[in-house]
């Protein structure tokens, strides 16, 4: 129930922040600001990071429904996946203003916790939603109101997703112990095994040279930091 800063050797730095409830997902808004979705309540926490890597709560925002995963859409807006709501994803500003995707038609369903996660490819206006138990990655064009359901034998229980190098998409394929690499249009570029069971969360550094993967079977979890080689 903490937010912790690690260096490139995955050593802890500074003073972590302790939450009241279990944190779900974190996104870096800038070099000294974070936003975290929190379980147990409809709350988003904004945190600041000092020069000595001490994390402090800046403010909490009450939301109209529960958010799970979170990612950046623009410097002032974030995209979130939802829990038990027909709006499968939504937009929230840094000021706490919530809005819907006006040009996206979602299927009639709701996701429970851990069943779907999101990412957003800004230059392509593409919202990406994983559907864990349908073994599907959905790509929504948020301007044209078109969508594509991506299935493949390499996509088995997709979990976390993030924007990869060159505005591509990386997805954790939990039951294949691998990372699936897709274009923003949903074409398969490759599948890469990882040295852990059940990878569930992933992110890429802003300079696109490092990839962090988290996961693990029952018992101790693992966090791996990987180098990304130029194509």
C-alpha atoms as a PDB file:
ATOM      1  CA  UNK A   1       0.000   0.000   0.000  1.00  0.00           C
ATOM      2  CA  UNK A   2       2.887   2.353  -0.816  1.00  0.00           C
ATOM      3  CA  UNK A   3       4.209   4.429  -3.672  1.00  0.00           C
ATOM      4  CA  UNK A   4       7.970   3.869  -3.930  1.00  0.00           C
ATOM      5  CA  UNK A   5      10.666   5.415  -6.120  1.00  0.00           C
ATOM      6  CA  UNK A   6      13.394   3.132  -7.480  1.00  0.00           C
ATOM      7  CA  UNK A   7      16.578   4.004  -9.333  1.00  0.00           C
ATOM      8  CA  UNK A   8      17.799   2.274 -12.492  1.00  0.00           C
ATOM      9  CA  UNK A   9      19.243  -0.544 -10.364  1.00  0.00           C
ATOM     10  CA  UNK A  10      15.810  -0.945  -8.730  1.00  0.00           C
ATOM     11  CA  UNK A  11      17.094   0.305  -5.387  1.00  0.00           C
ATOM     12  CA  UNK A  12      14.689   2.252  -3.206  1.00  0.00           C
ATOM     13  CA  UNK A  13      15.160   5.993  -2.940  1.00  0.00           C
ATOM     14  CA  UNK A  14      13.782   8.597  -0.572  1.00  0.00           C
ATOM     15  CA  UNK A  15      10.622   8.269   1.503  1.00  0.00           C
ATOM     16  CA  UNK A  16       7.595   6.392   0.100  1.00  0.00           C
ATOM     17  CA  UNK A  17       3.980   7.456   0.496  1.00  0.00           C
ATOM     18  CA  UNK A  18       1.567   5.199   2.416  1.00  0.00           C
ATOM     19  CA  UNK A  19      -1.993   4.961   1.100  1.00  0.00           C
ATOM     20  CA  UNK A  20      -5.196   4.383   3.057  1.00  0.00           C
ATOM     21  CA  UNK A  21      -6.319   1.853   0.444  1.00  0.00           C
ATOM     22  CA  UNK A  22      -4.588  -0.384  -2.077  1.00  0.00           C
ATOM     23  CA  UNK A  23      -3.158   1.558  -5.024  1.00  0.00           C
ATOM     24  CA  UNK A  24      -4.047   0.224  -8.448  1.00  0.00           C
ATOM     25  CA  UNK A  25      -2.042   2.116 -11.045  1.00  0.00           C
ATOM     26  CA  UNK A  26       0.380   5.040 -11.249  1.00  0.00           C
ATOM     27  CA  UNK A  27       1.275   7.483 -14.008  1.00  0.00           C
ATOM     28  CA  UNK A  28       4.022  10.115 -14.103  1.00  0.00           C
ATOM     29  CA  UNK A  29       2.598  13.499 -15.070  1.00  0.00           C
ATOM     30  CA  UNK A  30       6.010  15.181 -14.927  1.00  0.00           C
ATOM     31  CA  UNK A  31       9.406  14.649 -13.309  1.00  0.00           C
ATOM     32  CA  UNK A  32       7.965  15.624  -9.912  1.00  0.00           C
ATOM     33  CA  UNK A  33       4.250  14.763 -10.098  1.00  0.00           C
ATOM     34  CA  UNK A  34       2.375  11.462 -10.017  1.00  0.00           C
ATOM     35  CA  UNK A  35      -1.248  10.381 -10.195  1.00  0.00           C
ATOM     36  CA  UNK A  36      -2.481   7.141  -8.638  1.00  0.00           C
ATOM     37  CA  UNK A  37      -5.817   5.331  -8.839  1.00  0.00           C
ATOM     38  CA  UNK A  38      -6.797   3.809  -5.512  1.00  0.00           C
ATOM     39  CA  UNK A  39      -9.065   0.899  -4.608  1.00  0.00           C
ATOM     40  CA  UNK A  40     -11.545   0.833  -1.745  1.00  0.00           C
ATOM     41  CA  UNK A  41     -13.002   4.193  -2.719  1.00  0.00           C
ATOM     42  CA  UNK A  42     -13.668   6.367  -5.759  1.00  0.00           C
ATOM     43  CA  UNK A  43     -10.519   8.422  -5.384  1.00  0.00           C
ATOM     44  CA  UNK A  44      -7.570   9.580  -7.468  1.00  0.00           C
ATOM     45  CA  UNK A  45      -4.485  10.734  -5.560  1.00  0.00           C
ATOM     46  CA  UNK A  46      -2.098  13.390  -6.840  1.00  0.00           C
ATOM     47  CA  UNK A  47       1.401  13.104  -5.375  1.00  0.00           C
ATOM     48  CA  UNK A  48       4.474  15.321  -5.511  1.00  0.00           C
ATOM     49  CA  UNK A  49       8.097  14.179  -5.496  1.00  0.00           C
ATOM     50  CA  UNK A  50      10.727  16.387  -3.841  1.00  0.00           C
ATOM     51  CA  UNK A  51      14.391  16.653  -4.838  1.00  0.00           C
ATOM     52  CA  UNK A  52      15.286  14.137  -2.108  1.00  0.00           C
ATOM     53  CA  UNK A  53      12.688  11.692  -3.522  1.00  0.00           C
ATOM     54  CA  UNK A  54      10.198  12.140  -0.705  1.00  0.00           C
ATOM     55  CA  UNK A  55       6.648  11.481  -1.938  1.00  0.00           C
ATOM     56  CA  UNK A  56       3.805  13.550  -0.486  1.00  0.00           C
ATOM     57  CA  UNK A  57       0.084  13.754  -1.102  1.00  0.00           C
ATOM     58  CA  UNK A  58      -0.859  16.939  -2.942  1.00  0.00           C
ATOM     59  CA  UNK A  59      -4.594  16.389  -3.179  1.00  0.00           C
ATOM     60  CA  UNK A  60      -7.304  13.762  -3.537  1.00  0.00           C
ATOM     61  CA  UNK A  61     -10.078  13.932  -6.106  1.00  0.00           C
ATOM     62  CA  UNK A  62     -13.385  12.145  -5.621  1.00  0.00           C
ATOM     63  CA  UNK A  63     -14.590  10.494  -8.816  1.00  0.00           C
ATOM     64  CA  UNK A  64     -18.036   9.429  -9.978  1.00  0.00           C
ATOM     65  CA  UNK A  65     -16.995   5.798 -10.448  1.00  0.00           C
ATOM     66  CA  UNK A  66     -14.010   3.591  -9.651  1.00  0.00           C
ATOM     67  CA  UNK A  67     -10.961   3.795 -11.875  1.00  0.00           C
ATOM     68  CA  UNK A  68      -8.404   1.022 -12.344  1.00  0.00           C
ATOM     69  CA  UNK A  69      -5.584   1.691 -14.815  1.00  0.00           C
ATOM     70  CA  UNK A  70      -4.447   5.189 -15.767  1.00  0.00           C
ATOM     71  CA  UNK A  71      -2.246   6.658 -18.506  1.00  0.00           C
ATOM     72  CA  UNK A  72      -1.445  10.046 -20.036  1.00  0.00           C
ATOM     73  CA  UNK A  73      -3.534  11.411 -22.881  1.00  0.00           C
ATOM     74  CA  UNK A  74      -2.025  14.911 -22.926  1.00  0.00           C
ATOM     75  CA  UNK A  75      -0.157  17.122 -20.432  1.00  0.00           C
ATOM     76  CA  UNK A  76      -3.470  18.068 -18.830  1.00  0.00           C
ATOM     77  CA  UNK A  77      -5.611  14.950 -19.303  1.00  0.00           C
ATOM     78  CA  UNK A  78      -5.440  11.270 -18.470  1.00  0.00           C
ATOM     79  CA  UNK A  79      -7.292   8.182 -19.664  1.00  0.00           C
ATOM     80  CA  UNK A  80      -8.624   5.684 -17.130  1.00  0.00           C
ATOM     81  CA  UNK A  81     -10.212   2.256 -17.334  1.00  0.00           C
ATOM     82  CA  UNK A  82     -13.239   1.738 -15.120  1.00  0.00           C
ATOM     83  CA  UNK A  83     -14.538  -0.934 -12.766  1.00  0.00           C
ATOM     84  CA  UNK A  84     -18.181  -2.083 -12.905  1.00  0.00           C
ATOM     85  CA  UNK A  85     -19.293   0.707 -15.208  1.00  0.00           C
ATOM     86  CA  UNK A  86     -20.703   0.724 -18.735  1.00  0.00           C
ATOM     87  CA  UNK A  87     -18.287   3.524 -19.629  1.00  0.00           C
ATOM     88  CA  UNK A  88     -15.316   1.203 -20.104  1.00  0.00           C
ATOM     89  CA  UNK A  89     -12.885   4.105 -20.220  1.00  0.00           C
ATOM     90  CA  UNK A  90     -13.070   7.813 -19.459  1.00  0.00           C
ATOM     91  CA  UNK A  91     -11.013  11.001 -19.442  1.00  0.00           C
ATOM     92  CA  UNK A  92     -10.049  12.938 -16.317  1.00  0.00           C
ATOM     93  CA  UNK A  93      -8.222  16.247 -16.242  1.00  0.00           C
ATOM     94  CA  UNK A  94      -5.515  17.210 -13.759  1.00  0.00           C
ATOM     95  CA  UNK A  95      -8.193  19.431 -12.195  1.00  0.00           C
ATOM     96  CA  UNK A  96     -10.498  16.446 -11.629  1.00  0.00           C
ATOM     97  CA  UNK A  97     -12.992  17.120 -14.415  1.00  0.00           C
ATOM     98  CA  UNK A  98     -14.349  13.854 -15.847  1.00  0.00           C
ATOM     99  CA  UNK A  99     -15.561  13.401 -19.421  1.00  0.00           C
ATOM    100  CA  UNK A 100     -16.529  10.618 -21.795  1.00  0.00           C
ATOM    101  CA  UNK A 101     -15.114   9.649 -25.176  1.00  0.00           C
ATOM    102  CA  UNK A 102     -17.742  11.296 -27.384  1.00  0.00           C
ATOM    103  CA  UNK A 103     -16.805   9.419 -30.547  1.00  0.00           C
ATOM    104  CA  UNK A 104     -16.329   5.936 -29.142  1.00  0.00           C
ATOM    105  CA  UNK A 105     -19.049   3.285 -28.993  1.00  0.00           C
ATOM    106  CA  UNK A 106     -18.207   0.687 -26.357  1.00  0.00           C
ATOM    107  CA  UNK A 107     -19.743  -2.798 -26.249  1.00  0.00           C
ATOM    108  CA  UNK A 108     -22.476  -3.341 -23.687  1.00  0.00           C
ATOM    109  CA  UNK A 109     -20.499  -4.853 -20.849  1.00  0.00           C
ATOM    110  CA  UNK A 110     -18.739  -4.017 -17.604  1.00  0.00           C
ATOM    111  CA  UNK A 111     -15.337  -5.073 -16.353  1.00  0.00           C
ATOM    112  CA  UNK A 112     -14.566  -6.199 -12.846  1.00  0.00           C
ATOM    113  CA  UNK A 113     -11.298  -5.298 -11.176  1.00  0.00           C
ATOM    114  CA  UNK A 114      -8.266  -6.763 -12.987  1.00  0.00           C
ATOM    115  CA  UNK A 115     -10.289  -7.626 -16.091  1.00  0.00           C
ATOM    116  CA  UNK A 116      -9.300  -4.681 -18.291  1.00  0.00           C
ATOM    117  CA  UNK A 117      -6.529  -2.078 -18.521  1.00  0.00           C
ATOM    118  CA  UNK A 118      -5.940   0.810 -20.895  1.00  0.00           C
ATOM    119  CA  UNK A 119      -3.368   2.887 -22.689  1.00  0.00           C
ATOM    120  CA  UNK A 120      -3.624   5.740 -25.187  1.00  0.00           C
ATOM    121  CA  UNK A 121      -1.553   6.447 -28.319  1.00  0.00           C
ATOM    122  CA  UNK A 122      -1.799  10.208 -28.561  1.00  0.00           C
ATOM    123  CA  UNK A 123      -0.531  10.793 -32.112  1.00  0.00           C
ATOM    124  CA  UNK A 124      -2.920   8.130 -33.440  1.00  0.00           C
ATOM    125  CA  UNK A 125      -5.933   9.137 -31.274  1.00  0.00           C
ATOM    126  CA  UNK A 126      -6.097   5.467 -30.341  1.00  0.00           C
ATOM    127  CA  UNK A 127      -7.550   4.125 -27.113  1.00  0.00           C
ATOM    128  CA  UNK A 128      -6.353   0.623 -26.270  1.00  0.00           C
ATOM    129  CA  UNK A 129      -8.352  -1.617 -23.917  1.00  0.00           C
ATOM    130  CA  UNK A 130      -7.401  -5.150 -22.959  1.00  0.00           C
ATOM    131  CA  UNK A 131     -10.106  -7.727 -22.276  1.00  0.00           C
ATOM    132  CA  UNK A 132      -8.444 -10.343 -20.111  1.00  0.00           C
ATOM    133  CA  UNK A 133     -10.916 -13.207 -20.323  1.00  0.00           C
ATOM    134  CA  UNK A 134     -11.938 -12.601 -23.930  1.00  0.00           C
ATOM    135  CA  UNK A 135      -8.212 -12.838 -24.885  1.00  0.00           C
ATOM    136  CA  UNK A 136      -8.703  -9.680 -26.920  1.00  0.00           C
ATOM    137  CA  UNK A 137      -7.088  -6.266 -27.315  1.00  0.00           C
ATOM    138  CA  UNK A 138      -9.490  -3.557 -28.512  1.00  0.00           C
ATOM    139  CA  UNK A 139      -8.225  -0.577 -30.516  1.00  0.00           C
ATOM    140  CA  UNK A 140     -10.610   2.406 -30.674  1.00  0.00           C
ATOM    141  CA  UNK A 141     -10.099   5.368 -32.983  1.00  0.00           C
ATOM    142  CA  UNK A 142     -11.443   8.145 -30.755  1.00  0.00           C
ATOM    143  CA  UNK A 143     -11.964  10.543 -33.671  1.00  0.00           C
ATOM    144  CA  UNK A 144     -13.422   8.327 -36.404  1.00  0.00           C
ATOM    145  CA  UNK A 145     -15.473   6.089 -34.041  1.00  0.00           C
ATOM    146  CA  UNK A 146     -14.017   2.934 -35.532  1.00  0.00           C
ATOM    147  CA  UNK A 147     -12.637  -0.031 -33.628  1.00  0.00           C
ATOM    148  CA  UNK A 148     -10.753  -3.249 -34.092  1.00  0.00           C
ATOM    149  CA  UNK A 149     -10.747  -6.361 -31.930  1.00  0.00           C
ATOM    150  CA  UNK A 150      -7.311  -7.972 -32.045  1.00  0.00           C
ATOM    151  CA  UNK A 151      -7.008 -11.684 -31.305  1.00  0.00           C
ATOM    152  CA  UNK A 152      -4.036 -13.961 -31.822  1.00  0.00           C
ATOM    153  CA  UNK A 153      -2.696 -17.207 -30.395  1.00  0.00           C
ATOM    154  CA  UNK A 154      -0.007 -15.109 -28.698  1.00  0.00           C
ATOM    155  CA  UNK A 155      -2.616 -13.008 -26.876  1.00  0.00           C
ATOM    156  CA  UNK A 156      -3.779 -15.058 -23.903  1.00  0.00           C
ATOM    157  CA  UNK A 157      -5.258 -13.171 -20.954  1.00  0.00           C
ATOM    158  CA  UNK A 158      -3.914  -9.728 -21.941  1.00  0.00           C
ATOM    159  CA  UNK A 159      -3.358  -7.472 -18.929  1.00  0.00           C
ATOM    160  CA  UNK A 160      -1.377  -4.236 -18.787  1.00  0.00           C
ATOM    161  CA  UNK A 161      -0.600  -2.210 -21.891  1.00  0.00           C
ATOM    162  CA  UNK A 162       1.561   0.800 -22.674  1.00  0.00           C
ATOM    163  CA  UNK A 163       2.777   2.882 -25.580  1.00  0.00           C
ATOM    164  CA  UNK A 164       6.025   1.458 -26.941  1.00  0.00           C
ATOM    165  CA  UNK A 165       8.768   2.770 -29.240  1.00  0.00           C
ATOM    166  CA  UNK A 166       7.558   4.560 -32.354  1.00  0.00           C
ATOM    167  CA  UNK A 167       3.967   4.881 -31.069  1.00  0.00           C
ATOM    168  CA  UNK A 168       3.444   1.140 -31.052  1.00  0.00           C
ATOM    169  CA  UNK A 169       1.659  -0.771 -28.293  1.00  0.00           C
ATOM    170  CA  UNK A 170       3.077  -3.326 -25.849  1.00  0.00           C
ATOM    171  CA  UNK A 171       0.710  -5.709 -24.048  1.00  0.00           C
ATOM    172  CA  UNK A 172       1.347  -8.247 -21.291  1.00  0.00           C
ATOM    173  CA  UNK A 173       0.126 -11.655 -22.449  1.00  0.00           C
ATOM    174  CA  UNK A 174      -0.263 -13.225 -19.025  1.00  0.00           C
ATOM    175  CA  UNK A 175      -0.822 -16.862 -19.913  1.00  0.00           C
ATOM    176  CA  UNK A 176       1.943 -16.868 -22.542  1.00  0.00           C
ATOM    177  CA  UNK A 177       4.523 -15.289 -20.179  1.00  0.00           C
ATOM    178  CA  UNK A 178       5.325 -12.809 -22.921  1.00  0.00           C
ATOM    179  CA  UNK A 179       4.953  -9.272 -24.221  1.00  0.00           C
ATOM    180  CA  UNK A 180       3.005  -8.797 -27.441  1.00  0.00           C
ATOM    181  CA  UNK A 181       4.057  -5.949 -29.746  1.00  0.00           C
ATOM    182  CA  UNK A 182       1.344  -4.325 -31.881  1.00  0.00           C
ATOM    183  CA  UNK A 183       0.989  -1.342 -34.162  1.00  0.00           C
ATOM    184  CA  UNK A 184      -1.542   1.304 -33.134  1.00  0.00           C
ATOM    185  CA  UNK A 185      -3.744  -0.117 -35.908  1.00  0.00           C
ATOM    186  CA  UNK A 186      -3.684  -3.560 -34.296  1.00  0.00           C
ATOM    187  CA  UNK A 187      -1.219  -5.396 -36.538  1.00  0.00           C
ATOM    188  CA  UNK A 188       1.037  -7.908 -34.768  1.00  0.00           C
ATOM    189  CA  UNK A 189       4.736  -7.003 -34.840  1.00  0.00           C
ATOM    190  CA  UNK A 190       6.072  -9.719 -32.579  1.00  0.00           C
ATOM    191  CA  UNK A 191       5.908 -11.581 -29.294  1.00  0.00           C
ATOM    192  CA  UNK A 192       8.743 -11.584 -26.767  1.00  0.00           C
ATOM    193  CA  UNK A 193       9.072 -13.992 -23.797  1.00  0.00           C
ATOM    194  CA  UNK A 194       9.858 -12.578 -20.349  1.00  0.00           C
ATOM    195  CA  UNK A 195      11.591 -14.348 -17.483  1.00  0.00           C
ATOM    196  CA  UNK A 196       8.562 -14.462 -15.184  1.00  0.00           C
ATOM    197  CA  UNK A 197       5.217 -16.148 -14.881  1.00  0.00           C
ATOM    198  CA  UNK A 198       2.078 -14.099 -15.496  1.00  0.00           C
ATOM    199  CA  UNK A 199       3.353 -10.629 -16.429  1.00  0.00           C
ATOM    200  CA  UNK A 200       0.586  -8.167 -15.653  1.00  0.00           C
ATOM    201  CA  UNK A 201       1.933  -4.620 -15.805  1.00  0.00           C
ATOM    202  CA  UNK A 202       4.289  -2.816 -18.165  1.00  0.00           C
ATOM    203  CA  UNK A 203       5.690   0.634 -18.931  1.00  0.00           C
ATOM    204  CA  UNK A 204       8.342   2.178 -21.146  1.00  0.00           C
ATOM    205  CA  UNK A 205      10.627   5.102 -20.282  1.00  0.00           C
ATOM    206  CA  UNK A 206      10.102   8.413 -22.054  1.00  0.00           C
ATOM    207  CA  UNK A 207      13.359   8.016 -23.972  1.00  0.00           C
ATOM    208  CA  UNK A 208      12.151   4.575 -25.132  1.00  0.00           C
ATOM    209  CA  UNK A 209      15.321   2.806 -23.971  1.00  0.00           C
ATOM    210  CA  UNK A 210      13.953   0.872 -20.980  1.00  0.00           C
ATOM    211  CA  UNK A 211      10.940  -1.303 -20.311  1.00  0.00           C
ATOM    212  CA  UNK A 212       9.731  -2.275 -16.846  1.00  0.00           C
ATOM    213  CA  UNK A 213       7.617  -5.416 -16.430  1.00  0.00           C
ATOM    214  CA  UNK A 214       5.906  -6.563 -13.249  1.00  0.00           C
ATOM    215  CA  UNK A 215       4.223  -9.860 -12.475  1.00  0.00           C
ATOM    216  CA  UNK A 216       4.627 -13.301 -11.005  1.00  0.00           C
ATOM    217  CA  UNK A 217       2.644 -16.360 -10.022  1.00  0.00           C
ATOM    218  CA  UNK A 218       1.456 -17.057  -6.481  1.00  0.00           C
ATOM    219  CA  UNK A 219       4.093 -15.961  -4.007  1.00  0.00           C
ATOM    220  CA  UNK A 220       6.756 -13.274  -4.416  1.00  0.00           C
ATOM    221  CA  UNK A 221       6.242 -10.950  -7.374  1.00  0.00           C
ATOM    222  CA  UNK A 222       8.962  -9.723  -9.713  1.00  0.00           C
ATOM    223  CA  UNK A 223       9.854  -6.380 -11.228  1.00  0.00           C
ATOM    224  CA  UNK A 224      12.217  -6.497 -14.193  1.00  0.00           C
ATOM    225  CA  UNK A 225      13.885  -3.591 -15.939  1.00  0.00           C
ATOM    226  CA  UNK A 226      14.815  -4.385 -19.535  1.00  0.00           C
ATOM    227  CA  UNK A 227      16.839  -2.494 -22.112  1.00  0.00           C
ATOM    228  CA  UNK A 228      15.233  -1.776 -25.458  1.00  0.00           C
ATOM    229  CA  UNK A 229      17.603  -2.039 -28.383  1.00  0.00           C
ATOM    230  CA  UNK A 230      17.105   0.163 -31.467  1.00  0.00           C
ATOM    231  CA  UNK A 231      15.282  -1.677 -34.245  1.00  0.00           C
END
